[in-house]
Each structure stands twice: as C-alpha cells, then as structure tokens.
Amino acid sequence: MTIAKPACTVEFKELAVHRIKGGQSVGAVGRELKLSDQTVRNRVKAAGEGKLNGAGGRAVTPEEMDLSILRAENLRLKRENEIRKKKATAYCARDVLCSASGLPSRGRHFP
C-alpha cells in the first residue's frame, strides 16, 4: 500500500525556487523544506521553463478559475436555499398544528 503525498501549492514551490535564486544551496533548501535535492532541482528547472504548476500538476486558466468559483458559489446558494425551505416547512407545520389544537402561535400570548 502506498501513502499519498500531500499536494504542494504553487507558493510553496516558488519558495524553493526563490531561495535557490537567492544564493542558497540545493541541499540547504531541500533540508529546510524537507524535500529531496532532485525535487528542488526539478522545481528550479520547471520555473525556468515557466511550467511550475500547483497541486494537480496542470495550469489553470483564469476562465477555469472563474468557473470553479461560480460553481462553488452556486452550490453554496443551493444548500442555503434548501435549509431555508426546511425551516419554512417546519415553521408552517408548527403554525398549522398550533391552530388545529387551539394553542397560540407566532408570539400570541394566552388570555
């Protein structure tokens, strides 16, 4: 059984590249960030070619990012709408039960 590696963000990858360009050695950066020397070298090479990507390994276009944000917002709004529907149903059901039993509802007080 293999253990899945956590995905690294672009910022984390750029940190290694920035430190190498700042004059630190590959070994020092690798030890500090807990990466192998080859991984650090691969990231420097990818950054030089403009191919340093985030988690998932592929570049995301601005349109794809916008679409992803809109889909997430749409899902959130659908969930909020479902919650409101359930609350309204429960509120109306309580109102019907109260009126059928003669009990006060919606803040009306006993005489």
PDB file of N, CA and C in Angstrom:
ATOM      1  N   MET A   1       0.842  -1.177   0.000  1.00  0.00           N
ATOM      2  CA  MET A   1       0.000   0.000   0.000  1.00  0.00           C
ATOM      3  C   MET A   1       0.887   1.241   0.000  1.00  0.00           C
ATOM      4  N   THR A   2       0.607   2.163  -0.906  1.00  0.00           N
ATOM      5  CA  THR A   2       1.386   3.387  -0.981  1.00  0.00           C
ATOM      6  C   THR A   2       0.699   4.500  -0.210  1.00  0.00           C
ATOM      7  N   ILE A   3       1.482   5.399   0.287  1.00  0.00           N
ATOM      8  CA  ILE A   3       0.959   6.546   1.023  1.00  0.00           C
ATOM      9  C   ILE A   3       0.944   7.736   0.073  1.00  0.00           C
ATOM     10  N   ALA A   4      -0.203   8.373  -0.030  1.00  0.00           N
ATOM     11  CA  ALA A   4      -0.331   9.512  -0.931  1.00  0.00           C
ATOM     12  C   ALA A   4       0.437  10.702  -0.378  1.00  0.00           C
ATOM     13  N   LYS A   5       1.144  11.392  -1.264  1.00  0.00           N
ATOM     14  CA  LYS A   5       1.879  12.584  -0.864  1.00  0.00           C
ATOM     15  C   LYS A   5       0.932  13.776  -0.850  1.00  0.00           C
ATOM     16  N   PRO A   6       1.106  14.672   0.096  1.00  0.00           N
ATOM     17  CA  PRO A   6       0.271  15.872   0.072  1.00  0.00           C
ATOM     18  C   PRO A   6       0.656  16.761  -1.108  1.00  0.00           C
ATOM     19  N   ALA A   7      -0.317  17.377  -1.719  1.00  0.00           N
ATOM     20  CA  ALA A   7      -0.063  18.258  -2.858  1.00  0.00           C
ATOM     21  C   ALA A   7       0.521  19.574  -2.367  1.00  0.00           C
ATOM     22  N   CYS A   8       1.467  20.089  -3.100  1.00  0.00           N
ATOM     23  CA  CYS A   8       2.113  21.353  -2.733  1.00  0.00           C
ATOM     24  C   CYS A   8       1.494  22.489  -3.528  1.00  0.00           C
ATOM     25  N   THR A   9       1.380  23.628  -2.894  1.00  0.00           N
ATOM     26  CA  THR A   9       0.857  24.799  -3.580  1.00  0.00           C
ATOM     27  C   THR A   9       1.949  25.424  -4.441  1.00  0.00           C
ATOM     28  N   VAL A  10       1.539  26.280  -5.340  1.00  0.00           N
ATOM     29  CA  VAL A  10       2.493  26.983  -6.193  1.00  0.00           C
ATOM     30  C   VAL A  10       3.409  27.850  -5.330  1.00  0.00           C
ATOM     31  N   GLU A  11       2.843  28.464  -4.286  1.00  0.00           N
ATOM     32  CA  GLU A  11       3.637  29.338  -3.424  1.00  0.00           C
ATOM     33  C   GLU A  11       4.762  28.562  -2.751  1.00  0.00           C
ATOM     34  N   PHE A  12       4.461  27.337  -2.302  1.00  0.00           N
ATOM     35  CA  PHE A  12       5.486  26.519  -1.659  1.00  0.00           C
ATOM     36  C   PHE A  12       6.582  26.160  -2.659  1.00  0.00           C
ATOM     37  N   LYS A  13       6.180  25.839  -3.878  1.00  0.00           N
ATOM     38  CA  LYS A  13       7.166  25.504  -4.908  1.00  0.00           C
ATOM     39  C   LYS A  13       8.009  26.721  -5.258  1.00  0.00           C
ATOM     40  N   GLU A  14       7.368  27.883  -5.352  1.00  0.00           N
ATOM     41  CA  GLU A  14       8.099  29.109  -5.669  1.00  0.00           C
ATOM     42  C   GLU A  14       9.061  29.502  -4.558  1.00  0.00           C
ATOM     43  N   LEU A  15       8.738  29.133  -3.321  1.00  0.00           N
ATOM     44  CA  LEU A  15       9.612  29.425  -2.188  1.00  0.00           C
ATOM     45  C   LEU A  15      10.969  28.764  -2.380  1.00  0.00           C
ATOM     46  N   ALA A  16      10.968  27.497  -2.784  1.00  0.00           N
ATOM     47  CA  ALA A  16      12.220  26.786  -3.030  1.00  0.00           C
ATOM     48  C   ALA A  16      13.005  27.456  -4.150  1.00  0.00           C
ATOM     49  N   VAL A  17      12.317  27.812  -5.223  1.00  0.00           N
ATOM     50  CA  VAL A  17      12.985  28.456  -6.358  1.00  0.00           C
ATOM     51  C   VAL A  17      13.563  29.807  -5.942  1.00  0.00           C
ATOM     52  N   HIS A  18      12.804  30.566  -5.174  1.00  0.00           N
ATOM     53  CA  HIS A  18      13.260  31.886  -4.721  1.00  0.00           C
ATOM     54  C   HIS A  18      14.512  31.767  -3.853  1.00  0.00           C
ATOM     55  N   ARG A  19      14.547  30.760  -2.993  1.00  0.00           N
ATOM     56  CA  ARG A  19      15.710  30.590  -2.118  1.00  0.00           C
ATOM     57  C   ARG A  19      16.944  30.158  -2.903  1.00  0.00           C
ATOM     58  N   ILE A  20      16.748  29.343  -3.925  1.00  0.00           N
ATOM     59  CA  ILE A  20      17.878  28.944  -4.768  1.00  0.00           C
ATOM     60  C   ILE A  20      18.416  30.157  -5.510  1.00  0.00           C
ATOM     61  N   LYS A  21      17.518  30.965  -6.060  1.00  0.00           N
ATOM     62  CA  LYS A  21      17.944  32.163  -6.781  1.00  0.00           C
ATOM     63  C   LYS A  21      18.567  33.190  -5.840  1.00  0.00           C
ATOM     64  N   GLY A  22      18.209  33.096  -4.554  1.00  0.00           N
ATOM     65  CA  GLY A  22      18.777  33.995  -3.552  1.00  0.00           C
ATOM     66  C   GLY A  22      20.172  33.583  -3.108  1.00  0.00           C
ATOM     67  N   GLY A  23      20.651  32.444  -3.586  1.00  0.00           N
ATOM     68  CA  GLY A  23      22.019  32.047  -3.299  1.00  0.00           C
ATOM     69  C   GLY A  23      22.166  30.860  -2.370  1.00  0.00           C
ATOM     70  N   GLN A  24      21.095  30.307  -1.870  1.00  0.00           N
ATOM     71  CA  GLN A  24      21.212  29.132  -1.005  1.00  0.00           C
ATOM     72  C   GLN A  24      21.499  27.904  -1.852  1.00  0.00           C
ATOM     73  N   SER A  25      22.116  26.926  -1.239  1.00  0.00           N
ATOM     74  CA  SER A  25      22.430  25.700  -1.968  1.00  0.00           C
ATOM     75  C   SER A  25      21.197  24.798  -2.062  1.00  0.00           C
ATOM     76  N   VAL A  26      21.229  23.916  -3.049  1.00  0.00           N
ATOM     77  CA  VAL A  26      20.125  22.988  -3.248  1.00  0.00           C
ATOM     78  C   VAL A  26      19.952  22.101  -2.019  1.00  0.00           C
ATOM     79  N   GLY A  27      21.046  21.642  -1.465  1.00  0.00           N
ATOM     80  CA  GLY A  27      20.990  20.780  -0.285  1.00  0.00           C
ATOM     81  C   GLY A  27      20.384  21.484   0.920  1.00  0.00           C
ATOM     82  N   ALA A  28      20.773  22.749   1.138  1.00  0.00           N
ATOM     83  CA  ALA A  28      20.257  23.507   2.281  1.00  0.00           C
ATOM     84  C   ALA A  28      18.765  23.757   2.144  1.00  0.00           C
ATOM     85  N   VAL A  29      18.333  24.116   0.946  1.00  0.00           N
ATOM     86  CA  VAL A  29      16.911  24.363   0.708  1.00  0.00           C
ATOM     87  C   VAL A  29      16.127  23.070   0.866  1.00  0.00           C
ATOM     88  N   GLY A  30      16.660  21.977   0.352  1.00  0.00           N
ATOM     89  CA  GLY A  30      15.997  20.681   0.468  1.00  0.00           C
ATOM     90  C   GLY A  30      15.823  20.258   1.918  1.00  0.00           C
ATOM     91  N   ARG A  31      16.888  20.435   2.724  1.00  0.00           N
ATOM     92  CA  ARG A  31      16.790  20.074   4.142  1.00  0.00           C
ATOM     93  C   ARG A  31      15.795  20.963   4.872  1.00  0.00           C
ATOM     94  N   GLU A  32      15.838  22.244   4.582  1.00  0.00           N
ATOM     95  CA  GLU A  32      14.960  23.200   5.262  1.00  0.00           C
ATOM     96  C   GLU A  32      13.486  22.945   4.945  1.00  0.00           C
ATOM     97  N   LEU A  33      13.175  22.644   3.674  1.00  0.00           N
ATOM     98  CA  LEU A  33      11.791  22.430   3.254  1.00  0.00           C
ATOM     99  C   LEU A  33      11.393  20.950   3.266  1.00  0.00           C
ATOM    100  N   LYS A  34      12.312  20.095   3.712  1.00  0.00           N
ATOM    101  CA  LYS A  34      12.084  18.651   3.777  1.00  0.00           C
ATOM    102  C   LYS A  34      11.735  18.072   2.404  1.00  0.00           C
ATOM    103  N   LEU A  35      12.576  18.438   1.424  1.00  0.00           N
ATOM    104  CA  LEU A  35      12.439  17.940   0.060  1.00  0.00           C
ATOM    105  C   LEU A  35      13.751  17.305  -0.358  1.00  0.00           C
ATOM    106  N   SER A  36      13.680  16.405  -1.330  1.00  0.00           N
ATOM    107  CA  SER A  36      14.923  15.833  -1.848  1.00  0.00           C
ATOM    108  C   SER A  36      15.605  16.862  -2.747  1.00  0.00           C
ATOM    109  N   ASP A  37      16.906  16.688  -2.897  1.00  0.00           N
ATOM    110  CA  ASP A  37      17.665  17.607  -3.750  1.00  0.00           C
ATOM    111  C   ASP A  37      17.136  17.602  -5.180  1.00  0.00           C
ATOM    112  N   GLN A  38      16.788  16.413  -5.667  1.00  0.00           N
ATOM    113  CA  GLN A  38      16.293  16.311  -7.042  1.00  0.00           C
ATOM    114  C   GLN A  38      14.967  17.045  -7.210  1.00  0.00           C
ATOM    115  N   THR A  39      14.111  16.993  -6.199  1.00  0.00           N
ATOM    116  CA  THR A  39      12.837  17.703  -6.271  1.00  0.00           C
ATOM    117  C   THR A  39      13.082  19.199  -6.375  1.00  0.00           C
ATOM    118  N   VAL A  40      14.019  19.701  -5.596  1.00  0.00           N
ATOM    119  CA  VAL A  40      14.350  21.131  -5.646  1.00  0.00           C
ATOM    120  C   VAL A  40      14.885  21.487  -7.032  1.00  0.00           C
ATOM    121  N   ARG A  41      15.777  20.652  -7.557  1.00  0.00           N
ATOM    122  CA  ARG A  41      16.317  20.918  -8.905  1.00  0.00           C
ATOM    123  C   ARG A  41      15.210  20.895  -9.958  1.00  0.00           C
ATOM    124  N   ASN A  42      14.277  19.941  -9.843  1.00  0.00           N
ATOM    125  CA  ASN A  42      13.170  19.856 -10.803  1.00  0.00           C
ATOM    126  C   ASN A  42      12.306  21.111 -10.753  1.00  0.00           C
ATOM    127  N   ARG A  43      12.080  21.642  -9.560  1.00  0.00           N
ATOM    128  CA  ARG A  43      11.259  22.846  -9.430  1.00  0.00           C
ATOM    129  C   ARG A  43      11.963  24.060 -10.003  1.00  0.00           C
ATOM    130  N   VAL A  44      13.269  24.150  -9.819  1.00  0.00           N
ATOM    131  CA  VAL A  44      14.028  25.265 -10.394  1.00  0.00           C
ATOM    132  C   VAL A  44      13.979  25.176 -11.917  1.00  0.00           C
ATOM    133  N   LYS A  45      14.126  23.979 -12.441  1.00  0.00           N
ATOM    134  CA  LYS A  45      14.078  23.779 -13.890  1.00  0.00           C
ATOM    135  C   LYS A  45      12.689  24.124 -14.435  1.00  0.00           C
ATOM    136  N   ALA A  46      11.642  23.654 -13.761  1.00  0.00           N
ATOM    137  CA  ALA A  46      10.272  23.936 -14.203  1.00  0.00           C
ATOM    138  C   ALA A  46       9.974  25.423 -14.152  1.00  0.00           C
ATOM    139  N   ALA A  47      10.461  26.102 -13.125  1.00  0.00           N
ATOM    140  CA  ALA A  47      10.245  27.547 -13.022  1.00  0.00           C
ATOM    141  C   ALA A  47      10.961  28.274 -14.149  1.00  0.00           C
ATOM    142  N   GLY A  48      12.147  27.810 -14.519  1.00  0.00           N
ATOM    143  CA  GLY A  48      12.889  28.416 -15.622  1.00  0.00           C
ATOM    144  C   GLY A  48      12.176  28.262 -16.950  1.00  0.00           C
ATOM    145  N   GLU A  49      11.449  27.165 -17.107  1.00  0.00           N
ATOM    146  CA  GLU A  49      10.692  26.906 -18.338  1.00  0.00           C
ATOM    147  C   GLU A  49       9.278  27.472 -18.279  1.00  0.00           C
ATOM    148  N   GLY A  50       8.900  28.038 -17.126  1.00  0.00           N
ATOM    149  CA  GLY A  50       7.554  28.589 -16.965  1.00  0.00           C
ATOM    150  C   GLY A  50       6.495  27.529 -16.780  1.00  0.00           C
ATOM    151  N   LYS A  51       6.879  26.365 -16.265  1.00  0.00           N
ATOM    152  CA  LYS A  51       5.948  25.243 -16.121  1.00  0.00           C
ATOM    153  C   LYS A  51       5.741  24.848 -14.659  1.00  0.00           C
ATOM    154  N   LEU A  52       5.995  25.744 -13.742  1.00  0.00           N
ATOM    155  CA  LEU A  52       5.819  25.430 -12.322  1.00  0.00           C
ATOM    156  C   LEU A  52       4.345  25.558 -11.989  1.00  0.00           C
ATOM    157  N   ASN A  53       3.680  24.418 -11.791  1.00  0.00           N
ATOM    158  CA  ASN A  53       2.242  24.377 -11.542  1.00  0.00           C
ATOM    159  C   ASN A  53       1.963  24.043 -10.090  1.00  0.00           C
ATOM    160  N   GLY A  54       0.726  24.294  -9.690  1.00  0.00           N
ATOM    161  CA  GLY A  54       0.304  23.984  -8.330  1.00  0.00           C
ATOM    162  C   GLY A  54      -0.144  22.547  -8.195  1.00  0.00           C
ATOM    163  N   ALA A  55      -0.930  22.297  -7.173  1.00  0.00           N
ATOM    164  CA  ALA A  55      -1.426  20.952  -6.910  1.00  0.00           C
ATOM    165  C   ALA A  55      -2.221  20.455  -8.109  1.00  0.00           C
ATOM    166  N   GLY A  56      -2.016  19.219  -8.469  1.00  0.00           N
ATOM    167  CA  GLY A  56      -2.722  18.656  -9.604  1.00  0.00           C
ATOM    168  C   GLY A  56      -1.845  18.592 -10.833  1.00  0.00           C
ATOM    169  N   GLY A  57      -0.843  19.423 -10.906  1.00  0.00           N
ATOM    170  CA  GLY A  57       0.136  19.338 -11.970  1.00  0.00           C
ATOM    171  C   GLY A  57      -0.232  19.992 -13.282  1.00  0.00           C
ATOM    172  N   ARG A  58      -1.359  20.691 -13.375  1.00  0.00           N
ATOM    173  CA  ARG A  58      -1.657  21.350 -14.639  1.00  0.00           C
ATOM    174  C   ARG A  58      -2.028  22.801 -14.377  1.00  0.00           C
ATOM    175  N   ALA A  59      -1.736  23.634 -15.346  1.00  0.00           N
ATOM    176  CA  ALA A  59      -2.039  25.054 -15.211  1.00  0.00           C
ATOM    177  C   ALA A  59      -3.541  25.273 -15.344  1.00  0.00           C
ATOM    178  N   VAL A  60      -4.054  26.200 -14.569  1.00  0.00           N
ATOM    179  CA  VAL A  60      -5.479  26.522 -14.601  1.00  0.00           C
ATOM    180  C   VAL A  60      -5.626  27.911 -15.212  1.00  0.00           C
ATOM    181  N   THR A  61      -6.462  28.010 -16.239  1.00  0.00           N
ATOM    182  CA  THR A  61      -6.674  29.292 -16.894  1.00  0.00           C
ATOM    183  C   THR A  61      -7.579  30.166 -16.020  1.00  0.00           C
ATOM    184  N   PRO A  62      -7.532  31.487 -16.215  1.00  0.00           N
ATOM    185  CA  PRO A  62      -8.411  32.365 -15.436  1.00  0.00           C
ATOM    186  C   PRO A  62      -9.894  32.044 -15.637  1.00  0.00           C
ATOM    187  N   GLU A  63     -10.271  31.635 -16.844  1.00  0.00           N
ATOM    188  CA  GLU A  63     -11.663  31.277 -17.114  1.00  0.00           C
ATOM    189  C   GLU A  63     -12.075  30.046 -16.297  1.00  0.00           C
ATOM    190  N   GLU A  64     -11.186  29.057 -16.234  1.00  0.00           N
ATOM    191  CA  GLU A  64     -11.472  27.858 -15.443  1.00  0.00           C
ATOM    192  C   GLU A  64     -11.578  28.193 -13.963  1.00  0.00           C
ATOM    193  N   MET A  65     -10.729  29.102 -13.495  1.00  0.00           N
ATOM    194  CA  MET A  65     -10.777  29.508 -12.094  1.00  0.00           C
ATOM    195  C   MET A  65     -12.093  30.216 -11.797  1.00  0.00           C
ATOM    196  N   ASP A  66     -12.506  31.133 -12.688  1.00  0.00           N
ATOM    197  CA  ASP A  66     -13.778  31.839 -12.503  1.00  0.00           C
ATOM    198  C   ASP A  66     -14.952  30.861 -12.498  1.00  0.00           C
ATOM    199  N   LEU A  67     -14.922  29.907 -13.423  1.00  0.00           N
ATOM    200  CA  LEU A  67     -15.980  28.906 -13.495  1.00  0.00           C
ATOM    201  C   LEU A  67     -16.031  28.067 -12.218  1.00  0.00           C
ATOM    202  N   SER A  68     -14.881  27.710 -11.704  1.00  0.00           N
ATOM    203  CA  SER A  68     -14.818  26.942 -10.466  1.00  0.00           C
ATOM    204  C   SER A  68     -15.382  27.731  -9.292  1.00  0.00           C
ATOM    205  N   ILE A  69     -15.057  29.006  -9.229  1.00  0.00           N
ATOM    206  CA  ILE A  69     -15.569  29.869  -8.153  1.00  0.00           C
ATOM    207  C   ILE A  69     -17.085  29.999  -8.260  1.00  0.00           C
ATOM    208  N   LEU A  70     -17.590  30.192  -9.478  1.00  0.00           N
ATOM    209  CA  LEU A  70     -19.034  30.324  -9.667  1.00  0.00           C
ATOM    210  C   LEU A  70     -19.770  29.030  -9.328  1.00  0.00           C
ATOM    211  N   ARG A  71     -19.189  27.889  -9.678  1.00  0.00           N
ATOM    212  CA  ARG A  71     -19.813  26.610  -9.340  1.00  0.00           C
ATOM    213  C   ARG A  71     -19.881  26.416  -7.828  1.00  0.00           C
ATOM    214  N   ALA A  72     -18.807  26.780  -7.137  1.00  0.00           N
ATOM    215  CA  ALA A  72     -18.794  26.648  -5.677  1.00  0.00           C
ATOM    216  C   ALA A  72     -19.834  27.568  -5.042  1.00  0.00           C
ATOM    217  N   GLU A  73     -19.947  28.785  -5.557  1.00  0.00           N
ATOM    218  CA  GLU A  73     -20.938  29.718  -5.022  1.00  0.00           C
ATOM    219  C   GLU A  73     -22.359  29.213  -5.298  1.00  0.00           C
ATOM    220  N   ASN A  74     -22.583  28.678  -6.489  1.00  0.00           N
ATOM    221  CA  ASN A  74     -23.890  28.130  -6.844  1.00  0.00           C
ATOM    222  C   ASN A  74     -24.270  26.993  -5.901  1.00  0.00           C
ATOM    223  N   LEU A  75     -23.320  26.120  -5.607  1.00  0.00           N
ATOM    224  CA  LEU A  75     -23.577  25.005  -4.693  1.00  0.00           C
ATOM    225  C   LEU A  75     -23.906  25.528  -3.294  1.00  0.00           C
ATOM    226  N   ARG A  76     -23.161  26.528  -2.833  1.00  0.00           N
ATOM    227  CA  ARG A  76     -23.410  27.110  -1.516  1.00  0.00           C
ATOM    228  C   ARG A  76     -24.807  27.716  -1.448  1.00  0.00           C
ATOM    229  N   LEU A  77     -25.207  28.440  -2.491  1.00  0.00           N
ATOM    230  CA  LEU A  77     -26.524  29.065  -2.508  1.00  0.00           C
ATOM    231  C   LEU A  77     -27.640  28.020  -2.557  1.00  0.00           C
ATOM    232  N   LYS A  78     -27.423  26.931  -3.296  1.00  0.00           N
ATOM    233  CA  LYS A  78     -28.419  25.857  -3.330  1.00  0.00           C
ATOM    234  C   LYS A  78     -28.599  25.248  -1.956  1.00  0.00           C
ATOM    235  N   ARG A  79     -27.498  25.049  -1.241  1.00  0.00           N
ATOM    236  CA  ARG A  79     -27.578  24.482   0.113  1.00  0.00           C
ATOM    237  C   ARG A  79     -28.306  25.433   1.054  1.00  0.00           C
ATOM    238  N   GLU A  80     -27.994  26.724   0.974  1.00  0.00           N
ATOM    239  CA  GLU A  80     -28.680  27.702   1.818  1.00  0.00           C
ATOM    240  C   GLU A  80     -30.177  27.719   1.517  1.00  0.00           C
ATOM    241  N   ASN A  81     -30.521  27.609   0.231  1.00  0.00           N
ATOM    242  CA  ASN A  81     -31.924  27.600  -0.168  1.00  0.00           C
ATOM    243  C   ASN A  81     -32.645  26.382   0.405  1.00  0.00           C
ATOM    244  N   GLU A  82     -31.997  25.227   0.377  1.00  0.00           N
ATOM    245  CA  GLU A  82     -32.593  24.011   0.942  1.00  0.00           C
ATOM    246  C   GLU A  82     -32.822  24.171   2.446  1.00  0.00           C
ATOM    247  N   ILE A  83     -31.868  24.769   3.128  1.00  0.00           N
ATOM    248  CA  ILE A  83     -32.025  24.990   4.573  1.00  0.00           C
ATOM    249  C   ILE A  83     -33.208  25.904   4.838  1.00  0.00           C
ATOM    250  N   ARG A  84     -33.326  26.969   4.056  1.00  0.00           N
ATOM    251  CA  ARG A  84     -34.446  27.902   4.235  1.00  0.00           C
ATOM    252  C   ARG A  84     -35.784  27.230   3.960  1.00  0.00           C
ATOM    253  N   LYS A  85     -35.824  26.364   2.939  1.00  0.00           N
ATOM    254  CA  LYS A  85     -37.058  25.635   2.637  1.00  0.00           C
ATOM    255  C   LYS A  85     -37.452  24.741   3.806  1.00  0.00           C
ATOM    256  N   LYS A  86     -36.488  24.040   4.388  1.00  0.00           N
ATOM    257  CA  LYS A  86     -36.776  23.155   5.511  1.00  0.00           C
ATOM    258  C   LYS A  86     -37.265  23.946   6.719  1.00  0.00           C
ATOM    259  N   LYS A  87     -36.638  25.107   6.965  1.00  0.00           N
ATOM    260  CA  LYS A  87     -37.069  25.933   8.092  1.00  0.00           C
ATOM    261  C   LYS A  87     -38.479  26.465   7.868  1.00  0.00           C
ATOM    262  N   ALA A  88     -38.771  26.874   6.633  1.00  0.00           N
ATOM    263  CA  ALA A  88     -40.104  27.397   6.323  1.00  0.00           C
ATOM    264  C   ALA A  88     -41.153  26.297   6.465  1.00  0.00           C
ATOM    265  N   THR A  89     -40.836  25.099   6.025  1.00  0.00           N
ATOM    266  CA  THR A  89     -41.761  23.974   6.143  1.00  0.00           C
ATOM    267  C   THR A  89     -42.035  23.669   7.609  1.00  0.00           C
ATOM    268  N   ALA A  90     -40.986  23.657   8.416  1.00  0.00           N
ATOM    269  CA  ALA A  90     -41.160  23.382   9.843  1.00  0.00           C
ATOM    270  C   ALA A  90     -41.971  24.492  10.512  1.00  0.00           C
ATOM    271  N   TYR A  91     -41.721  25.725  10.115  1.00  0.00           N
ATOM    272  CA  TYR A  91     -42.440  26.864  10.691  1.00  0.00           C
ATOM    273  C   TYR A  91     -43.928  26.786  10.344  1.00  0.00           C
ATOM    274  N   CYS A  92     -44.224  26.493   9.081  1.00  0.00           N
ATOM    275  CA  CYS A  92     -45.623  26.389   8.649  1.00  0.00           C
ATOM    276  C   CYS A  92     -46.300  25.186   9.302  1.00  0.00           C
ATOM    277  N   ALA A  93     -45.591  24.089   9.445  1.00  0.00           N
ATOM    278  CA  ALA A  93     -46.166  22.904  10.088  1.00  0.00           C
ATOM    279  C   ALA A  93     -46.499  23.205  11.542  1.00  0.00           C
ATOM    280  N   ARG A  94     -45.654  23.944  12.231  1.00  0.00           N
ATOM    281  CA  ARG A  94     -45.917  24.314  13.620  1.00  0.00           C
ATOM    282  C   ARG A  94     -47.136  25.208  13.702  1.00  0.00           C
ATOM    283  N   ASP A  95     -47.251  26.125  12.743  1.00  0.00           N
ATOM    284  CA  ASP A  95     -48.380  27.049  12.705  1.00  0.00           C
ATOM    285  C   ASP A  95     -49.690  26.289  12.516  1.00  0.00           C
ATOM    286  N   VAL A  96     -49.682  25.305  11.615  1.00  0.00           N
ATOM    287  CA  VAL A  96     -50.883  24.507  11.354  1.00  0.00           C
ATOM    288  C   VAL A  96     -51.244  23.692  12.586  1.00  0.00           C
ATOM    289  N   LEU A  97     -50.255  23.070  13.216  1.00  0.00           N
ATOM    290  CA  LEU A  97     -50.518  22.271  14.413  1.00  0.00           C
ATOM    291  C   LEU A  97     -51.061  23.133  15.550  1.00  0.00           C
ATOM    292  N   CYS A  98     -50.517  24.320  15.701  1.00  0.00           N
ATOM    293  CA  CYS A  98     -50.963  25.202  16.773  1.00  0.00           C
ATOM    294  C   CYS A  98     -52.401  25.662  16.544  1.00  0.00           C
ATOM    295  N   SER A  99     -52.735  25.992  15.314  1.00  0.00           N
ATOM    296  CA  SER A  99     -54.088  26.477  15.045  1.00  0.00           C
ATOM    297  C   SER A  99     -55.108  25.334  15.170  1.00  0.00           C
ATOM    298  N   ALA A 100     -54.711  24.120  14.824  1.00  0.00           N
ATOM    299  CA  ALA A 100     -55.616  22.982  14.930  1.00  0.00           C
ATOM    300  C   ALA A 100     -55.873  22.603  16.388  1.00  0.00           C
ATOM    301  N   SER A 101     -54.876  22.821  17.245  1.00  0.00           N
ATOM    302  CA  SER A 101     -55.029  22.433  18.647  1.00  0.00           C
ATOM    303  C   SER A 101     -55.536  23.575  19.519  1.00  0.00           C
ATOM    304  N   GLY A 102     -55.645  24.764  18.935  1.00  0.00           N
ATOM    305  CA  GLY A 102     -56.119  25.908  19.687  1.00  0.00           C
ATOM    306  C   GLY A 102     -55.018  26.602  20.476  1.00  0.00           C
ATOM    307  N   LEU A 103     -53.768  26.163  20.337  1.00  0.00           N
ATOM    308  CA  LEU A 103     -52.657  26.796  21.035  1.00  0.00           C
ATOM    309  C   LEU A 103     -52.202  28.041  20.283  1.00  0.00           C
ATOM    310  N   PRO A 104     -51.653  29.010  20.986  1.00  0.00           N
ATOM    311  CA  PRO A 104     -51.174  30.214  20.301  1.00  0.00           C
ATOM    312  C   PRO A 104     -49.939  29.896  19.470  1.00  0.00           C
ATOM    313  N   SER A 105     -49.758  30.646  18.397  1.00  0.00           N
ATOM    314  CA  SER A 105     -48.560  30.507  17.572  1.00  0.00           C
ATOM    315  C   SER A 105     -48.048  31.902  17.219  1.00  0.00           C
ATOM    316  N   ARG A 106     -46.837  31.951  16.819  1.00  0.00           N
ATOM    317  CA  ARG A 106     -46.169  33.189  16.392  1.00  0.00           C
ATOM    318  C   ARG A 106     -46.288  34.318  17.406  1.00  0.00           C
ATOM    319  N   GLY A 107     -45.966  34.042  18.608  1.00  0.00           N
ATOM    320  CA  GLY A 107     -45.856  35.104  19.594  1.00  0.00           C
ATOM    321  C   GLY A 107     -47.150  35.529  20.243  1.00  0.00           C
ATOM    322  N   ARG A 108     -48.295  34.940  19.871  1.00  0.00           N
ATOM    323  CA  ARG A 108     -49.546  35.298  20.543  1.00  0.00           C
ATOM    324  C   ARG A 108     -49.540  34.702  21.928  1.00  0.00           C
ATOM    325  N   HIS A 109     -50.026  35.432  22.865  1.00  0.00           N
ATOM    326  CA  HIS A 109     -49.986  35.011  24.272  1.00  0.00           C
ATOM    327  C   HIS A 109     -51.334  34.456  24.695  1.00  0.00           C
ATOM    328  N   PHE A 110     -51.277  33.653  25.750  1.00  0.00           N
ATOM    329  CA  PHE A 110     -52.517  33.123  26.344  1.00  0.00           C
ATOM    330  C   PHE A 110     -53.319  34.255  26.938  1.00  0.00           C
ATOM    331  N   PRO A 111     -54.681  34.150  26.929  1.00  0.00           N
ATOM    332  CA  PRO A 111     -55.503  35.226  27.517  1.00  0.00           C
ATOM    333  C   PRO A 111     -55.353  35.324  29.015  1.00  0.00           C
TER     334      PRO A 111
END
